[in-house]
């Protein structure tokens, strides 16, 4: 299985979780149970984000750093900005 396949599998699972959350709200399930599922979905999305970030750093950023120059600086800034967005979320 490729990383892409793994990400797609995880995202489909998250999509199912989202539909489950919608049903829970429609059926007026207990708020704490809904919040527990929101937390699980959030963690699943964070896991996807961390995997994508790790892949990006280990490939794109490393390759750019080896090549050097302005592209290296741009890729490092791009990765740093992505990390900052994840930390804020």
C-alpha atoms as a PDB file:
ATOM      1  CA  UNK A   1       0.000   0.000   0.000  1.00  0.00           C
ATOM      2  CA  UNK A   2       1.341   3.439  -0.920  1.00  0.00           C
ATOM      3  CA  UNK A   3       1.229   6.473   1.334  1.00  0.00           C
ATOM      4  CA  UNK A   4      -1.438   7.917  -0.969  1.00  0.00           C
ATOM      5  CA  UNK A   5      -3.592   4.800  -0.504  1.00  0.00           C
ATOM      6  CA  UNK A   6      -3.134   5.037   3.252  1.00  0.00           C
ATOM      7  CA  UNK A   7      -4.161   8.714   3.299  1.00  0.00           C
ATOM      8  CA  UNK A   8      -7.209   8.019   1.156  1.00  0.00           C
ATOM      9  CA  UNK A   9      -8.235   5.123   3.408  1.00  0.00           C
ATOM     10  CA  UNK A  10      -7.911   7.330   6.482  1.00  0.00           C
ATOM     11  CA  UNK A  11      -9.802  10.193   4.845  1.00  0.00           C
ATOM     12  CA  UNK A  12     -12.648   7.878   3.846  1.00  0.00           C
ATOM     13  CA  UNK A  13     -12.835   6.674   7.442  1.00  0.00           C
ATOM     14  CA  UNK A  14     -12.949  10.311   8.597  1.00  0.00           C
ATOM     15  CA  UNK A  15     -15.694  10.988   6.058  1.00  0.00           C
ATOM     16  CA  UNK A  16     -17.687   8.139   7.614  1.00  0.00           C
ATOM     17  CA  UNK A  17     -17.087   9.591  11.058  1.00  0.00           C
ATOM     18  CA  UNK A  18     -18.422  12.928   9.815  1.00  0.00           C
ATOM     19  CA  UNK A  19     -21.615  11.319   8.549  1.00  0.00           C
ATOM     20  CA  UNK A  20     -21.937   9.529  11.882  1.00  0.00           C
ATOM     21  CA  UNK A  21     -21.621  12.837  13.704  1.00  0.00           C
ATOM     22  CA  UNK A  22     -24.322  14.355  11.530  1.00  0.00           C
ATOM     23  CA  UNK A  23     -26.639  11.452  12.387  1.00  0.00           C
ATOM     24  CA  UNK A  24     -25.863  11.826  16.073  1.00  0.00           C
ATOM     25  CA  UNK A  25     -26.813  15.504  15.973  1.00  0.00           C
ATOM     26  CA  UNK A  26     -29.964  14.794  13.932  1.00  0.00           C
ATOM     27  CA  UNK A  27     -30.973  12.106  16.427  1.00  0.00           C
ATOM     28  CA  UNK A  28     -30.163  14.425  19.345  1.00  0.00           C
ATOM     29  CA  UNK A  29     -27.718  12.007  20.940  1.00  0.00           C
ATOM     30  CA  UNK A  30     -26.091  12.813  24.266  1.00  0.00           C
ATOM     31  CA  UNK A  31     -23.784  15.841  23.858  1.00  0.00           C
ATOM     32  CA  UNK A  32     -20.824  14.193  25.575  1.00  0.00           C
ATOM     33  CA  UNK A  33     -21.031  11.245  23.172  1.00  0.00           C
ATOM     34  CA  UNK A  34     -21.000  13.651  20.222  1.00  0.00           C
ATOM     35  CA  UNK A  35     -18.041  15.536  21.685  1.00  0.00           C
ATOM     36  CA  UNK A  36     -16.174  12.260  22.144  1.00  0.00           C
ATOM     37  CA  UNK A  37     -16.667  11.493  18.448  1.00  0.00           C
ATOM     38  CA  UNK A  38     -15.587  15.030  17.471  1.00  0.00           C
ATOM     39  CA  UNK A  39     -12.398  14.478  19.467  1.00  0.00           C
ATOM     40  CA  UNK A  40     -11.748  11.150  17.711  1.00  0.00           C
ATOM     41  CA  UNK A  41     -12.286  12.764  14.313  1.00  0.00           C
ATOM     42  CA  UNK A  42      -9.997  15.661  15.203  1.00  0.00           C
ATOM     43  CA  UNK A  43      -7.241  13.237  16.215  1.00  0.00           C
ATOM     44  CA  UNK A  44      -7.702  11.300  12.975  1.00  0.00           C
ATOM     45  CA  UNK A  45      -7.357  14.503  10.930  1.00  0.00           C
ATOM     46  CA  UNK A  46      -4.273  15.481  12.918  1.00  0.00           C
ATOM     47  CA  UNK A  47      -2.725  12.085  12.180  1.00  0.00           C
ATOM     48  CA  UNK A  48      -3.287  12.614   8.451  1.00  0.00           C
ATOM     49  CA  UNK A  49      -1.820  16.114   8.677  1.00  0.00           C
ATOM     50  CA  UNK A  50       1.259  14.891  10.533  1.00  0.00           C
ATOM     51  CA  UNK A  51       1.819  12.120   7.997  1.00  0.00           C
ATOM     52  CA  UNK A  52       1.549  14.538   5.089  1.00  0.00           C
ATOM     53  CA  UNK A  53       3.883  16.972   6.818  1.00  0.00           C
ATOM     54  CA  UNK A  54       6.425  14.238   7.513  1.00  0.00           C
ATOM     55  CA  UNK A  55       6.294  13.118   3.874  1.00  0.00           C
ATOM     56  CA  UNK A  56       6.685  16.695   2.671  1.00  0.00           C
ATOM     57  CA  UNK A  57       9.669  17.372   4.895  1.00  0.00           C
ATOM     58  CA  UNK A  58      11.416  14.086   4.144  1.00  0.00           C
ATOM     59  CA  UNK A  59      11.054  14.510   0.395  1.00  0.00           C
ATOM     60  CA  UNK A  60      10.380  18.042  -0.853  1.00  0.00           C
ATOM     61  CA  UNK A  61      12.178  19.974   1.871  1.00  0.00           C
ATOM     62  CA  UNK A  62      15.186  17.635   2.045  1.00  0.00           C
ATOM     63  CA  UNK A  63      15.565  17.653  -1.759  1.00  0.00           C
ATOM     64  CA  UNK A  64      15.352  21.450  -1.840  1.00  0.00           C
ATOM     65  CA  UNK A  65      17.841  21.763   1.043  1.00  0.00           C
ATOM     66  CA  UNK A  66      20.322  19.539  -0.789  1.00  0.00           C
ATOM     67  CA  UNK A  67      19.934  21.692  -3.927  1.00  0.00           C
ATOM     68  CA  UNK A  68      20.310  24.855  -1.846  1.00  0.00           C
ATOM     69  CA  UNK A  69      19.560  28.386  -2.939  1.00  0.00           C
ATOM     70  CA  UNK A  70      16.326  30.346  -2.733  1.00  0.00           C
ATOM     71  CA  UNK A  71      14.152  27.281  -3.347  1.00  0.00           C
ATOM     72  CA  UNK A  72      15.537  25.671  -0.179  1.00  0.00           C
ATOM     73  CA  UNK A  73      14.693  28.750   1.853  1.00  0.00           C
ATOM     74  CA  UNK A  74      11.202  28.879   0.338  1.00  0.00           C
ATOM     75  CA  UNK A  75      10.507  25.188   1.086  1.00  0.00           C
ATOM     76  CA  UNK A  76      11.700  25.555   4.676  1.00  0.00           C
ATOM     77  CA  UNK A  77       9.508  28.651   5.144  1.00  0.00           C
ATOM     78  CA  UNK A  78       6.569  26.819   3.591  1.00  0.00           C
ATOM     79  CA  UNK A  79       7.029  23.869   5.976  1.00  0.00           C
ATOM     80  CA  UNK A  80       7.444  26.176   8.961  1.00  0.00           C
ATOM     81  CA  UNK A  81       4.239  28.014   8.041  1.00  0.00           C
ATOM     82  CA  UNK A  82       2.389  24.689   7.719  1.00  0.00           C
ATOM     83  CA  UNK A  83       3.627  23.616  11.146  1.00  0.00           C
ATOM     84  CA  UNK A  84       2.497  26.941  12.621  1.00  0.00           C
ATOM     85  CA  UNK A  85      -0.990  26.465  11.143  1.00  0.00           C
ATOM     86  CA  UNK A  86      -1.202  22.976  12.627  1.00  0.00           C
ATOM     87  CA  UNK A  87      -0.085  24.193  16.032  1.00  0.00           C
ATOM     88  CA  UNK A  88      -2.745  26.941  16.004  1.00  0.00           C
ATOM     89  CA  UNK A  89      -5.540  24.562  15.010  1.00  0.00           C
END
